[in-house]
């Protein structure tokens, strides 16, 4: 505990009078506390967090971008604790699933499967007024849920109240049709909203009021998106640092979204990649690190 307090105390002194540029273009004072918090969420050790803070502290410059700081922290974290680096990269890795949202829908579907749901992607469900193509329809026993998988591929964007309103309106339209039918087979019981970004305060407030289950980045405190991915070991291939961006796109274009999917049934690497044996071993080591429970 004392060591943690020392780290936070040092972080508060880091980068005094240094301004940084966020992805949105907004300029704000550098916060060593925010950097410390993000590193600690990766489950890095106190020693590693302290070492990274000290290293970055010597290279901070006025006007430096948050992206440059992140890249520097990630490269250091990968050197010290590779598994923590994978967790640290997860938020950006999710954004790299774009530009379209289908890979994210697949990821959400796989997470729900890991929780015992049967899943359909892109299901058309008739409502009272119009039909709706829902991102994910999930069933477990008698329980049916519809899921809006809201994907953003740019830093600084939050999922706002308009999305919560949209999800609720679709749910009510589908629900009204079921209320009119004599047989309620297939009745939708719940609406969920899962996003790879943070929610605005109003989005959360409306979601609570409308009984929408909201899952996003760092929300709720327990059972948020990164928790679900970590617990199920369903990391996207974009988490990998041993595969080029072009090769990741090859996988995504062929429908491969998860790290575990690039392994064949015999445990060998998918032939989609044309790489030499040395590179194969490097990739396999990282994939096994990602997919193996702690």
Protein backbone atom coordinates (compact mmCIF):
# COMPACT_ATOMS: atom_id res chain seq x y z
CA UNK A 1 0.00 0.00 0.00
CA UNK A 2 2.80 2.41 0.89
CA UNK A 3 4.51 1.65 -2.41
CA UNK A 4 1.29 2.44 -4.30
CA UNK A 5 0.98 5.76 -2.46
CA UNK A 6 4.58 6.61 -3.38
CA UNK A 7 3.85 5.91 -7.06
CA UNK A 8 0.78 8.14 -7.02
CA UNK A 9 2.71 10.87 -5.24
CA UNK A 10 5.48 10.73 -7.86
CA UNK A 11 2.92 10.67 -10.67
CA UNK A 12 1.34 13.92 -9.44
CA UNK A 13 4.72 15.65 -9.81
CA UNK A 14 5.36 14.23 -13.27
CA UNK A 15 5.21 16.65 -16.18
CA UNK A 16 4.58 19.85 -14.25
CA UNK A 17 3.71 22.71 -16.65
CA UNK A 18 3.65 20.32 -19.64
CA UNK A 19 0.68 20.53 -22.03
CA UNK A 20 -0.28 17.63 -24.29
CA UNK A 21 -2.51 17.30 -27.34
CA UNK A 22 -5.35 14.78 -27.21
CA UNK A 23 -6.68 12.83 -30.22
CA UNK A 24 -9.57 15.32 -30.46
CA UNK A 25 -7.06 18.16 -30.87
CA UNK A 26 -7.81 19.54 -27.42
CA UNK A 27 -4.78 20.74 -25.45
CA UNK A 28 -4.71 20.05 -21.72
CA UNK A 29 -2.15 19.69 -18.90
CA UNK A 30 -0.39 16.35 -18.78
CA UNK A 31 -1.69 14.11 -15.98
CA UNK A 32 0.72 11.64 -14.48
CA UNK A 33 -2.19 10.29 -12.44
CA UNK A 34 -4.09 9.32 -15.61
CA UNK A 35 -1.05 7.57 -17.05
CA UNK A 36 -0.50 5.76 -13.77
CA UNK A 37 -4.15 4.70 -13.63
CA UNK A 38 -4.06 3.26 -17.16
CA UNK A 39 -0.85 1.36 -16.43
CA UNK A 40 -2.25 -0.04 -13.20
CA UNK A 41 -5.40 -1.22 -15.01
CA UNK A 42 -3.14 -3.35 -17.19
CA UNK A 43 -2.19 -5.25 -14.02
CA UNK A 44 1.45 -4.20 -14.35
CA UNK A 45 3.51 -4.49 -11.18
CA UNK A 46 4.29 -1.43 -9.06
CA UNK A 47 7.96 -1.73 -10.06
CA UNK A 48 7.07 -1.68 -13.76
CA UNK A 49 4.70 1.26 -13.38
CA UNK A 50 7.36 3.24 -11.51
CA UNK A 51 10.03 2.43 -14.11
CA UNK A 52 7.78 3.56 -16.98
CA UNK A 53 6.80 6.78 -15.21
CA UNK A 54 10.45 7.64 -14.59
CA UNK A 55 11.41 6.88 -18.19
CA UNK A 56 8.57 8.89 -19.74
CA UNK A 57 9.14 11.73 -17.30
CA UNK A 58 12.58 12.34 -18.82
CA UNK A 59 11.17 12.60 -22.36
CA UNK A 60 7.99 14.63 -21.92
CA UNK A 61 7.83 17.70 -24.15
CA UNK A 62 5.33 20.52 -24.38
CA UNK A 63 2.76 19.80 -27.10
CA UNK A 64 3.48 16.05 -27.16
CA UNK A 65 0.50 13.99 -28.37
CA UNK A 66 -1.28 11.46 -26.19
CA UNK A 67 -0.67 8.93 -28.97
CA UNK A 68 3.11 9.38 -28.71
CA UNK A 69 2.96 8.98 -24.93
CA UNK A 70 0.81 5.87 -25.28
CA UNK A 71 3.13 4.31 -27.88
CA UNK A 72 6.13 4.96 -25.68
CA UNK A 73 4.43 3.51 -22.59
CA UNK A 74 3.28 0.47 -24.57
CA UNK A 75 6.75 -0.29 -25.94
CA UNK A 76 8.23 -0.11 -22.44
CA UNK A 77 5.44 -2.21 -20.95
CA UNK A 78 5.89 -4.85 -23.64
CA UNK A 79 9.58 -5.03 -22.74
CA UNK A 80 8.88 -5.46 -19.01
CA UNK A 81 5.58 -7.39 -18.88
CA UNK A 82 4.21 -8.61 -22.22
CA UNK A 83 0.87 -9.84 -20.84
CA UNK A 84 0.23 -6.47 -19.18
CA UNK A 85 1.09 -4.76 -22.48
CA UNK A 86 -1.61 -6.78 -24.25
CA UNK A 87 -4.18 -5.62 -21.71
CA UNK A 88 -2.90 -2.04 -21.94
CA UNK A 89 -3.38 -2.10 -25.72
CA UNK A 90 -6.88 -3.57 -25.63
CA UNK A 91 -8.82 -0.33 -26.01
CA UNK A 92 -6.92 0.73 -29.12
CA UNK A 93 -6.97 -2.84 -30.43
CA UNK A 94 -10.77 -2.77 -30.36
CA UNK A 95 -10.81 0.44 -32.38
CA UNK A 96 -8.54 -1.22 -34.94
CA UNK A 97 -11.30 -3.74 -35.70
CA UNK A 98 -12.86 -1.13 -38.02
CA UNK A 99 -13.63 0.75 -40.06
CA UNK A 100 -16.86 -1.29 -40.23
CA UNK A 101 -18.60 -2.66 -37.17
CA UNK A 102 -19.07 -6.30 -38.21
CA UNK A 103 -15.91 -7.66 -36.53
CA UNK A 104 -17.00 -6.00 -33.27
CA UNK A 105 -20.43 -7.61 -33.60
CA UNK A 106 -18.69 -10.97 -34.02
CA UNK A 107 -16.61 -10.34 -30.91
CA UNK A 108 -19.71 -9.43 -28.89
CA UNK A 109 -21.43 -12.57 -30.15
CA UNK A 110 -18.51 -14.75 -29.07
CA UNK A 111 -18.47 -13.16 -25.61
CA UNK A 112 -22.16 -13.98 -25.20
CA UNK A 113 -21.56 -17.54 -26.42
CA UNK A 114 -18.94 -17.92 -23.70
CA UNK A 115 -21.70 -17.06 -21.21
CA UNK A 116 -23.97 -19.82 -22.46
CA UNK A 117 -26.08 -17.91 -25.00
CA UNK A 118 -27.03 -19.10 -28.46
CA UNK A 119 -26.28 -16.26 -30.84
CA UNK A 120 -27.38 -14.95 -34.24
CA UNK A 121 -25.70 -11.98 -35.90
CA UNK A 122 -27.67 -9.50 -38.03
CA UNK A 123 -31.08 -11.01 -37.30
CA UNK A 124 -34.21 -9.35 -38.77
CA UNK A 125 -36.96 -9.04 -36.14
CA UNK A 126 -40.38 -7.56 -37.00
CA UNK A 127 -41.70 -4.80 -34.80
CA UNK A 128 -45.09 -3.15 -34.47
CA UNK A 129 -44.15 -0.36 -36.89
CA UNK A 130 -41.12 -1.63 -38.86
CA UNK A 131 -38.72 -4.55 -38.99
CA UNK A 132 -35.35 -4.21 -37.28
CA UNK A 133 -31.97 -5.72 -38.12
CA UNK A 134 -30.44 -6.25 -34.71
CA UNK A 135 -26.69 -6.65 -34.34
CA UNK A 136 -26.94 -9.67 -32.04
CA UNK A 137 -29.90 -11.81 -30.99
CA UNK A 138 -29.01 -14.02 -28.02
CA UNK A 139 -30.98 -16.78 -26.30
CA UNK A 140 -30.41 -18.68 -23.08
CA UNK A 141 -33.27 -20.97 -22.12
CA UNK A 142 -36.44 -18.89 -22.22
CA UNK A 143 -34.52 -15.63 -22.09
CA UNK A 144 -34.15 -13.61 -25.32
CA UNK A 145 -32.11 -10.41 -25.62
CA UNK A 146 -31.30 -8.02 -28.42
CA UNK A 147 -27.90 -6.35 -28.41
CA UNK A 148 -26.81 -3.15 -30.11
CA UNK A 149 -23.04 -3.46 -30.64
CA UNK A 150 -22.04 0.19 -31.05
CA UNK A 151 -18.59 0.46 -32.56
CA UNK A 152 -16.36 3.54 -32.83
CA UNK A 153 -12.93 3.52 -34.46
CA UNK A 154 -11.75 6.98 -33.39
CA UNK A 155 -10.26 8.14 -30.10
CA UNK A 156 -12.19 10.67 -28.06
CA UNK A 157 -15.70 9.64 -29.16
CA UNK A 158 -18.22 8.58 -26.51
CA UNK A 159 -21.47 6.67 -26.95
CA UNK A 160 -24.12 9.26 -26.15
CA UNK A 161 -27.75 9.34 -25.05
CA UNK A 162 -29.05 9.25 -28.65
CA UNK A 163 -27.81 5.65 -28.88
CA UNK A 164 -29.57 4.71 -25.63
CA UNK A 165 -32.78 6.29 -26.94
CA UNK A 166 -32.43 4.42 -30.23
CA UNK A 167 -31.93 1.05 -28.51
CA UNK A 168 -34.93 1.62 -26.26
CA UNK A 169 -37.17 2.69 -29.15
CA UNK A 170 -36.32 -0.46 -31.14
CA UNK A 171 -36.91 -2.66 -28.11
CA UNK A 172 -40.32 -1.08 -27.44
CA UNK A 173 -41.38 -1.46 -31.09
CA UNK A 174 -40.48 -5.17 -31.04
CA UNK A 175 -42.06 -5.59 -27.61
CA UNK A 176 -45.34 -3.96 -28.70
CA UNK A 177 -45.70 -6.45 -31.54
CA UNK A 178 -45.22 -9.39 -29.17
CA UNK A 179 -47.81 -7.92 -26.79
CA UNK A 180 -50.36 -7.97 -29.64
CA UNK A 181 -49.72 -11.60 -30.60
CA UNK A 182 -51.63 -14.45 -28.95
CA UNK A 183 -48.50 -16.56 -28.55
CA UNK A 184 -45.48 -14.83 -27.06
CA UNK A 185 -42.90 -17.34 -28.31
CA UNK A 186 -39.60 -15.59 -28.96
CA UNK A 187 -40.57 -12.56 -26.88
CA UNK A 188 -37.61 -10.23 -26.36
CA UNK A 189 -36.99 -9.86 -22.64
CA UNK A 190 -34.13 -7.37 -22.54
CA UNK A 191 -32.21 -4.83 -24.60
CA UNK A 192 -28.45 -4.49 -24.17
CA UNK A 193 -26.09 -1.81 -25.44
CA UNK A 194 -22.44 -2.83 -25.72
CA UNK A 195 -19.83 -0.39 -26.98
CA UNK A 196 -16.04 -0.24 -27.25
CA UNK A 197 -15.99 3.34 -25.93
CA UNK A 198 -17.06 5.17 -22.80
CA UNK A 199 -20.65 6.30 -22.26
CA UNK A 200 -21.70 9.88 -21.61
CA UNK A 201 -23.35 10.52 -18.24
CA UNK A 202 -26.75 11.05 -19.92
CA UNK A 203 -26.44 7.78 -21.85
CA UNK A 204 -25.93 5.91 -18.57
CA UNK A 205 -28.71 7.85 -16.83
CA UNK A 206 -31.22 7.05 -19.57
CA UNK A 207 -30.06 3.43 -19.81
CA UNK A 208 -30.69 2.91 -16.09
CA UNK A 209 -34.12 4.55 -16.31
CA UNK A 210 -35.11 2.46 -19.36
CA UNK A 211 -33.67 -0.81 -17.96
CA UNK A 212 -31.13 -1.19 -20.76
CA UNK A 213 -28.09 -3.21 -19.80
CA UNK A 214 -25.11 -1.00 -20.59
CA UNK A 215 -21.63 -2.43 -21.11
CA UNK A 216 -18.76 -0.27 -22.30
CA UNK A 217 -15.20 0.74 -21.65
CA UNK A 218 -14.74 0.94 -17.85
CA UNK A 219 -18.51 0.61 -17.36
CA UNK A 220 -19.89 -0.87 -15.20
CA UNK A 221 -17.15 -1.10 -12.61
CA UNK A 222 -17.39 -4.90 -12.62
CA UNK A 223 -18.33 -6.77 -15.77
CA UNK A 224 -17.25 -4.04 -18.20
CA UNK A 225 -16.09 -4.82 -21.72
CA UNK A 226 -12.43 -5.33 -20.88
CA UNK A 227 -13.39 -7.60 -17.97
CA UNK A 228 -15.54 -9.74 -20.28
CA UNK A 229 -12.75 -10.05 -22.84
CA UNK A 230 -10.12 -10.86 -20.23
CA UNK A 231 -12.31 -13.37 -18.39
CA UNK A 232 -13.27 -15.22 -21.57
CA UNK A 233 -9.79 -14.89 -23.21
CA UNK A 234 -11.53 -13.67 -26.36
CA UNK A 235 -8.95 -11.10 -27.41
CA UNK A 236 -9.20 -9.64 -30.93
CA UNK A 237 -6.31 -10.32 -33.30
CA UNK A 238 -5.59 -6.59 -33.29
CA UNK A 239 -4.11 -7.08 -29.79
CA UNK A 240 -1.13 -8.86 -31.32
CA UNK A 241 2.07 -6.88 -31.80
CA UNK A 242 3.84 -9.64 -33.75
CA UNK A 243 1.55 -9.32 -36.79
CA UNK A 244 1.58 -6.35 -39.15
CA UNK A 245 -1.45 -4.12 -39.64
CA UNK A 246 -1.78 -5.42 -43.21
CA UNK A 247 -1.82 -9.05 -42.03
CA UNK A 248 -4.38 -8.26 -39.34
CA UNK A 249 -6.58 -6.79 -42.06
CA UNK A 250 -6.17 -9.98 -44.10
CA UNK A 251 -7.52 -11.96 -41.18
CA UNK A 252 -10.42 -9.56 -40.59
CA UNK A 253 -11.31 -9.62 -44.29
CA UNK A 254 -11.43 -13.43 -44.15
CA UNK A 255 -13.73 -13.38 -41.12
CA UNK A 256 -11.08 -14.13 -38.48
CA UNK A 257 -11.55 -11.81 -35.49
CA UNK A 258 -10.13 -13.60 -32.44
CA UNK A 259 -6.56 -14.53 -31.58
CA UNK A 260 -7.58 -18.12 -30.97
CA UNK A 261 -9.03 -18.36 -34.48
CA UNK A 262 -5.65 -18.05 -36.16
CA UNK A 263 -4.72 -21.45 -34.75
CA UNK A 264 -5.66 -24.59 -36.66
CA UNK A 265 -7.17 -27.59 -34.86
CA UNK A 266 -3.70 -29.12 -34.50
CA UNK A 267 -2.44 -25.92 -32.87
CA UNK A 268 -0.45 -24.75 -35.89
CA UNK A 269 -0.72 -21.27 -37.40
CA UNK A 270 -3.33 -20.46 -40.04
CA UNK A 271 -1.92 -20.59 -43.60
CA UNK A 272 -3.36 -17.14 -44.29
CA UNK A 273 -0.03 -15.76 -43.13
CA UNK A 274 2.97 -16.38 -45.36
CA UNK A 275 5.86 -16.02 -42.91
CA UNK A 276 9.06 -17.90 -42.15
CA UNK A 277 9.45 -20.39 -39.29
CA UNK A 278 11.14 -17.90 -36.98
CA UNK A 279 8.26 -15.47 -37.32
CA UNK A 280 5.75 -18.29 -36.82
CA UNK A 281 7.32 -19.15 -33.46
CA UNK A 282 7.23 -15.49 -32.41
CA UNK A 283 3.55 -15.16 -33.34
CA UNK A 284 2.64 -18.47 -31.69
CA UNK A 285 4.30 -17.43 -28.43
CA UNK A 286 2.25 -14.25 -28.30
CA UNK A 287 -1.00 -16.00 -29.27
CA UNK A 288 -0.49 -18.59 -26.53
CA UNK A 289 0.27 -15.82 -24.04
CA UNK A 290 -3.00 -14.08 -24.97
CA UNK A 291 -5.18 -17.18 -25.01
CA UNK A 292 -3.79 -18.95 -21.93
CA UNK A 293 -5.47 -18.16 -18.59
CA UNK A 294 -3.30 -16.59 -15.91
